[in-house]
Each structure stands twice: as structure tokens, then as C-alpha cells.
């Protein structure tokens, strides 16, 4: 059986990475904070499965 392709976000600009860190640390909205943490993790090249495990979420 063929392996499913991984999904990654496009590479970020430095200002975008700084913005994600700021949002993750300062927002009171839990969903927004979680997403702001997931995106940089994908920039690091981690797999969907690894990201899901880090954030206690499903790969979907």
C-alpha cells in the first residue's frame, strides 16, 4: 500500500513566524492559540502524525 502524502504549510517569512509566536502567547482564544502553535510546527517539517501527537489532536 502506498504511503499517504504529507501536508505541510509553505515556508514562512521571519515576520510571519514572529507573528505566530505573538498570537500563540497573547491570545485568549484557545482555538486561535492552538492553530498559531500548529503552523510553526509544520514549518519545522514535522509530520502530521507528530503534530497531532504534540497537540493531542487527531491527524484529520
PDB file of N, CA and C in Angstrom:
ATOM      1  N   UNK A   1       0.839  -1.165   0.000  1.00  0.00           N
ATOM      2  CA  UNK A   1       0.000   0.000   0.000  1.00  0.00           C
ATOM      3  C   UNK A   1       0.890   1.235   0.000  1.00  0.00           C
ATOM      4  N   UNK A   2       0.551   2.215  -0.809  1.00  0.00           N
ATOM      5  CA  UNK A   2       1.344   3.442  -0.905  1.00  0.00           C
ATOM      6  C   UNK A   2       1.115   4.329   0.314  1.00  0.00           C
ATOM      7  N   UNK A   3       2.155   5.021   0.681  1.00  0.00           N
ATOM      8  CA  UNK A   3       2.066   5.926   1.826  1.00  0.00           C
ATOM      9  C   UNK A   3       1.323   7.197   1.412  1.00  0.00           C
ATOM     10  N   UNK A   4       0.470   7.683   2.309  1.00  0.00           N
ATOM     11  CA  UNK A   4      -0.258   8.919   2.061  1.00  0.00           C
ATOM     12  C   UNK A   4       0.726  10.092   2.026  1.00  0.00           C
ATOM     13  N   UNK A   5       0.534  11.052   1.123  1.00  0.00           N
ATOM     14  CA  UNK A   5       1.434  12.209   1.107  1.00  0.00           C
ATOM     15  C   UNK A   5       1.237  13.064   2.352  1.00  0.00           C
ATOM     16  N   UNK A   6       2.320  13.645   2.820  1.00  0.00           N
ATOM     17  CA  UNK A   6       2.254  14.532   3.974  1.00  0.00           C
ATOM     18  C   UNK A   6       1.827  15.922   3.515  1.00  0.00           C
ATOM     19  N   UNK A   7       1.259  16.670   4.407  1.00  0.00           N
ATOM     20  CA  UNK A   7       0.804  18.022   4.115  1.00  0.00           C
ATOM     21  C   UNK A   7       1.605  18.985   4.974  1.00  0.00           C
ATOM     22  N   UNK A   8       2.184  19.983   4.352  1.00  0.00           N
ATOM     23  CA  UNK A   8       2.946  20.996   5.063  1.00  0.00           C
ATOM     24  C   UNK A   8       2.505  22.372   4.593  1.00  0.00           C
ATOM     25  N   UNK A   9       2.659  23.365   5.431  1.00  0.00           N
ATOM     26  CA  UNK A   9       2.404  24.739   5.023  1.00  0.00           C
ATOM     27  C   UNK A   9       3.627  25.248   4.293  1.00  0.00           C
ATOM     28  N   UNK A  10       3.442  26.297   3.542  1.00  0.00           N
ATOM     29  CA  UNK A  10       4.576  26.856   2.797  1.00  0.00           C
ATOM     30  C   UNK A  10       5.583  27.465   3.763  1.00  0.00           C
ATOM     31  N   UNK A  11       6.830  27.614   3.356  1.00  0.00           N
ATOM     32  CA  UNK A  11       7.832  28.231   4.237  1.00  0.00           C
ATOM     33  C   UNK A  11       7.398  29.645   4.628  1.00  0.00           C
ATOM     34  N   UNK A  12       7.808  30.071   5.803  1.00  0.00           N
ATOM     35  CA  UNK A  12       7.375  31.372   6.313  1.00  0.00           C
ATOM     36  C   UNK A  12       8.462  32.427   6.163  1.00  0.00           C
ATOM     37  N   UNK A  13       8.005  33.642   6.202  1.00  0.00           N
ATOM     38  CA  UNK A  13       8.911  34.786   6.284  1.00  0.00           C
ATOM     39  C   UNK A  13       9.174  35.021   7.777  1.00  0.00           C
ATOM     40  N   UNK A  14      10.297  35.639   8.126  1.00  0.00           N
ATOM     41  CA  UNK A  14      10.587  35.874   9.544  1.00  0.00           C
ATOM     42  C   UNK A  14       9.470  36.631  10.273  1.00  0.00           C
ATOM     43  N   UNK A  15       8.875  37.614   9.634  1.00  0.00           N
ATOM     44  CA  UNK A  15       7.821  38.383  10.298  1.00  0.00           C
ATOM     45  C   UNK A  15       6.592  37.517  10.562  1.00  0.00           C
ATOM     46  N   UNK A  16       6.337  36.538   9.683  1.00  0.00           N
ATOM     47  CA  UNK A  16       5.191  35.655   9.890  1.00  0.00           C
ATOM     48  C   UNK A  16       5.430  34.744  11.097  1.00  0.00           C
ATOM     49  N   UNK A  17       6.635  34.244  11.217  1.00  0.00           N
ATOM     50  CA  UNK A  17       6.965  33.384  12.356  1.00  0.00           C
ATOM     51  C   UNK A  17       6.841  34.163  13.664  1.00  0.00           C
ATOM     52  N   UNK A  18       7.321  35.400  13.675  1.00  0.00           N
ATOM     53  CA  UNK A  18       7.210  36.230  14.870  1.00  0.00           C
ATOM     54  C   UNK A  18       5.747  36.490  15.215  1.00  0.00           C
ATOM     55  N   UNK A  19       4.938  36.703  14.200  1.00  0.00           N
ATOM     56  CA  UNK A  19       3.508  36.958  14.418  1.00  0.00           C
ATOM     57  C   UNK A  19       2.823  35.731  15.026  1.00  0.00           C
ATOM     58  N   UNK A  20       3.150  34.551  14.535  1.00  0.00           N
ATOM     59  CA  UNK A  20       2.548  33.330  15.066  1.00  0.00           C
ATOM     60  C   UNK A  20       2.911  33.127  16.535  1.00  0.00           C
ATOM     61  N   UNK A  21       4.158  33.396  16.875  1.00  0.00           N
ATOM     62  CA  UNK A  21       4.588  33.256  18.270  1.00  0.00           C
ATOM     63  C   UNK A  21       3.835  34.263  19.142  1.00  0.00           C
ATOM     64  N   UNK A  22       3.709  35.493  18.660  1.00  0.00           N
ATOM     65  CA  UNK A  22       2.997  36.525  19.418  1.00  0.00           C
ATOM     66  C   UNK A  22       1.539  36.138  19.630  1.00  0.00           C
ATOM     67  N   UNK A  23       0.882  35.649  18.583  1.00  0.00           N
ATOM     68  CA  UNK A  23      -0.524  35.249  18.691  1.00  0.00           C
ATOM     69  C   UNK A  23      -0.662  34.086  19.668  1.00  0.00           C
ATOM     70  N   UNK A  24       0.206  33.100  19.544  1.00  0.00           N
ATOM     71  CA  UNK A  24       0.125  31.921  20.415  1.00  0.00           C
ATOM     72  C   UNK A  24       0.282  32.297  21.887  1.00  0.00           C
ATOM     73  N   UNK A  25       1.091  33.287  22.170  1.00  0.00           N
ATOM     74  CA  UNK A  25       1.350  33.674  23.562  1.00  0.00           C
ATOM     75  C   UNK A  25       0.333  34.664  24.121  1.00  0.00           C
ATOM     76  N   UNK A  26      -0.274  35.470  23.261  1.00  0.00           N
ATOM     77  CA  UNK A  26      -1.082  36.575  23.769  1.00  0.00           C
ATOM     78  C   UNK A  26      -2.593  36.387  23.656  1.00  0.00           C
ATOM     79  N   UNK A  27      -3.056  35.536  22.768  1.00  0.00           N
ATOM     80  CA  UNK A  27      -4.495  35.424  22.569  1.00  0.00           C
ATOM     81  C   UNK A  27      -5.176  34.651  23.696  1.00  0.00           C
ATOM     82  N   UNK A  28      -6.407  35.014  23.950  1.00  0.00           N
ATOM     83  CA  UNK A  28      -7.207  34.278  24.934  1.00  0.00           C
ATOM     84  C   UNK A  28      -8.084  33.241  24.254  1.00  0.00           C
ATOM     85  N   UNK A  29      -8.147  33.298  22.943  1.00  0.00           N
ATOM     86  CA  UNK A  29      -8.937  32.346  22.161  1.00  0.00           C
ATOM     87  C   UNK A  29      -8.136  31.051  22.022  1.00  0.00           C
ATOM     88  N   UNK A  30      -8.618  29.986  22.645  1.00  0.00           N
ATOM     89  CA  UNK A  30      -7.868  28.721  22.664  1.00  0.00           C
ATOM     90  C   UNK A  30      -7.671  28.137  21.270  1.00  0.00           C
ATOM     91  N   UNK A  31      -8.673  28.254  20.405  1.00  0.00           N
ATOM     92  CA  UNK A  31      -8.558  27.710  19.050  1.00  0.00           C
ATOM     93  C   UNK A  31      -7.483  28.462  18.274  1.00  0.00           C
ATOM     94  N   UNK A  32      -7.506  29.770  18.379  1.00  0.00           N
ATOM     95  CA  UNK A  32      -6.514  30.590  17.680  1.00  0.00           C
ATOM     96  C   UNK A  32      -5.105  30.303  18.199  1.00  0.00           C
ATOM     97  N   UNK A  33      -4.966  30.159  19.495  1.00  0.00           N
ATOM     98  CA  UNK A  33      -3.659  29.859  20.082  1.00  0.00           C
ATOM     99  C   UNK A  33      -3.151  28.502  19.608  1.00  0.00           C
ATOM    100  N   UNK A  34      -4.039  27.543  19.542  1.00  0.00           N
ATOM    101  CA  UNK A  34      -3.656  26.200  19.094  1.00  0.00           C
ATOM    102  C   UNK A  34      -3.196  26.213  17.640  1.00  0.00           C
ATOM    103  N   UNK A  35      -3.954  26.889  16.801  1.00  0.00           N
ATOM    104  CA  UNK A  35      -3.561  26.998  15.386  1.00  0.00           C
ATOM    105  C   UNK A  35      -2.248  27.737  15.216  1.00  0.00           C
ATOM    106  N   UNK A  36      -2.062  28.770  16.013  1.00  0.00           N
ATOM    107  CA  UNK A  36      -0.818  29.531  15.948  1.00  0.00           C
ATOM    108  C   UNK A  36       0.373  28.694  16.398  1.00  0.00           C
ATOM    109  N   UNK A  37       0.145  27.659  17.157  1.00  0.00           N
ATOM    110  CA  UNK A  37       1.212  26.738  17.544  1.00  0.00           C
ATOM    111  C   UNK A  37       1.438  25.641  16.525  1.00  0.00           C
ATOM    112  N   UNK A  38       0.384  25.227  15.851  1.00  0.00           N
ATOM    113  CA  UNK A  38       0.481  24.141  14.876  1.00  0.00           C
ATOM    114  C   UNK A  38       1.226  24.578  13.617  1.00  0.00           C
ATOM    115  N   UNK A  39       0.940  25.769  13.138  1.00  0.00           N
ATOM    116  CA  UNK A  39       1.557  26.228  11.887  1.00  0.00           C
ATOM    117  C   UNK A  39       3.086  26.261  11.974  1.00  0.00           C
ATOM    118  N   UNK A  40       3.684  26.874  12.993  1.00  0.00           N
ATOM    119  CA  UNK A  40       5.154  26.846  13.068  1.00  0.00           C
ATOM    120  C   UNK A  40       5.731  25.432  13.218  1.00  0.00           C
ATOM    121  N   UNK A  41       4.974  24.560  13.845  1.00  0.00           N
ATOM    122  CA  UNK A  41       5.435  23.177  13.974  1.00  0.00           C
ATOM    123  C   UNK A  41       5.528  22.528  12.599  1.00  0.00           C
ATOM    124  N   UNK A  42       4.601  22.847  11.716  1.00  0.00           N
ATOM    125  CA  UNK A  42       4.664  22.348  10.345  1.00  0.00           C
ATOM    126  C   UNK A  42       5.836  22.979   9.595  1.00  0.00           C
ATOM    127  N   UNK A  43       6.121  24.261   9.877  1.00  0.00           N
ATOM    128  CA  UNK A  43       7.273  24.917   9.249  1.00  0.00           C
ATOM    129  C   UNK A  43       8.560  24.186   9.586  1.00  0.00           C
ATOM    130  N   UNK A  44       8.602  23.547  10.738  1.00  0.00           N
ATOM    131  CA  UNK A  44       9.793  22.817  11.162  1.00  0.00           C
ATOM    132  C   UNK A  44       9.943  21.491  10.423  1.00  0.00           C
ATOM    133  N   UNK A  45       8.924  21.116   9.646  1.00  0.00           N
ATOM    134  CA  UNK A  45       9.000  19.893   8.867  1.00  0.00           C
ATOM    135  C   UNK A  45       8.488  18.654   9.572  1.00  0.00           C
ATOM    136  N   UNK A  46       7.795  18.826  10.670  1.00  0.00           N
ATOM    137  CA  UNK A  46       7.247  17.660  11.382  1.00  0.00           C
ATOM    138  C   UNK A  46       6.067  17.089  10.625  1.00  0.00           C
ATOM    139  N   UNK A  47       5.868  15.806  10.776  1.00  0.00           N
ATOM    140  CA  UNK A  47       4.770  15.134  10.078  1.00  0.00           C
ATOM    141  C   UNK A  47       3.433  15.462  10.736  1.00  0.00           C
ATOM    142  N   UNK A  48       2.367  15.213  10.000  1.00  0.00           N
ATOM    143  CA  UNK A  48       1.022  15.452  10.516  1.00  0.00           C
ATOM    144  C   UNK A  48       0.787  14.618  11.771  1.00  0.00           C
ATOM    145  N   UNK A  49       1.232  13.377  11.747  1.00  0.00           N
ATOM    146  CA  UNK A  49       1.061  12.497  12.904  1.00  0.00           C
ATOM    147  C   UNK A  49       1.799  13.042  14.120  1.00  0.00           C
ATOM    148  N   UNK A  50       3.024  13.507  13.932  1.00  0.00           N
ATOM    149  CA  UNK A  50       3.809  14.053  15.042  1.00  0.00           C
ATOM    150  C   UNK A  50       3.161  15.318  15.600  1.00  0.00           C
ATOM    151  N   UNK A  51       2.655  16.174  14.710  1.00  0.00           N
ATOM    152  CA  UNK A  51       1.994  17.401  15.148  1.00  0.00           C
ATOM    153  C   UNK A  51       0.734  17.061  15.932  1.00  0.00           C
ATOM    154  N   UNK A  52      -0.034  16.111  15.438  1.00  0.00           N
ATOM    155  CA  UNK A  52      -1.259  15.699  16.132  1.00  0.00           C
ATOM    156  C   UNK A  52      -0.944  15.172  17.525  1.00  0.00           C
ATOM    157  N   UNK A  53       0.118  14.419  17.654  1.00  0.00           N
ATOM    158  CA  UNK A  53       0.508  13.902  18.968  1.00  0.00           C
ATOM    159  C   UNK A  53       0.938  15.031  19.912  1.00  0.00           C
ATOM    160  N   UNK A  54       1.683  15.998  19.394  1.00  0.00           N
ATOM    161  CA  UNK A  54       2.122  17.116  20.213  1.00  0.00           C
ATOM    162  C   UNK A  54       0.951  17.926  20.761  1.00  0.00           C
ATOM    163  N   UNK A  55      -0.086  18.072  19.947  1.00  0.00           N
ATOM    164  CA  UNK A  55      -1.214  18.904  20.329  1.00  0.00           C
ATOM    165  C   UNK A  55      -2.434  18.090  20.776  1.00  0.00           C
ATOM    166  N   UNK A  56      -2.226  16.808  21.010  1.00  0.00           N
ATOM    167  CA  UNK A  56      -3.303  15.913  21.468  1.00  0.00           C
ATOM    168  C   UNK A  56      -4.538  16.059  20.588  1.00  0.00           C
ATOM    169  N   UNK A  57      -4.316  15.933  19.291  1.00  0.00           N
ATOM    170  CA  UNK A  57      -5.411  16.068  18.310  1.00  0.00           C
ATOM    171  C   UNK A  57      -5.398  14.876  17.369  1.00  0.00           C
ATOM    172  N   UNK A  58      -6.413  14.783  16.537  1.00  0.00           N
ATOM    173  CA  UNK A  58      -6.421  13.726  15.528  1.00  0.00           C
ATOM    174  C   UNK A  58      -5.699  14.239  14.279  1.00  0.00           C
ATOM    175  N   UNK A  59      -5.087  13.348  13.514  1.00  0.00           N
ATOM    176  CA  UNK A  59      -4.383  13.785  12.291  1.00  0.00           C
ATOM    177  C   UNK A  59      -5.300  14.468  11.270  1.00  0.00           C
ATOM    178  N   UNK A  60      -6.583  14.195  11.328  1.00  0.00           N
ATOM    179  CA  UNK A  60      -7.532  14.826  10.404  1.00  0.00           C
ATOM    180  C   UNK A  60      -7.666  16.284  10.662  1.00  0.00           C
TER     181      UNK A  60
END
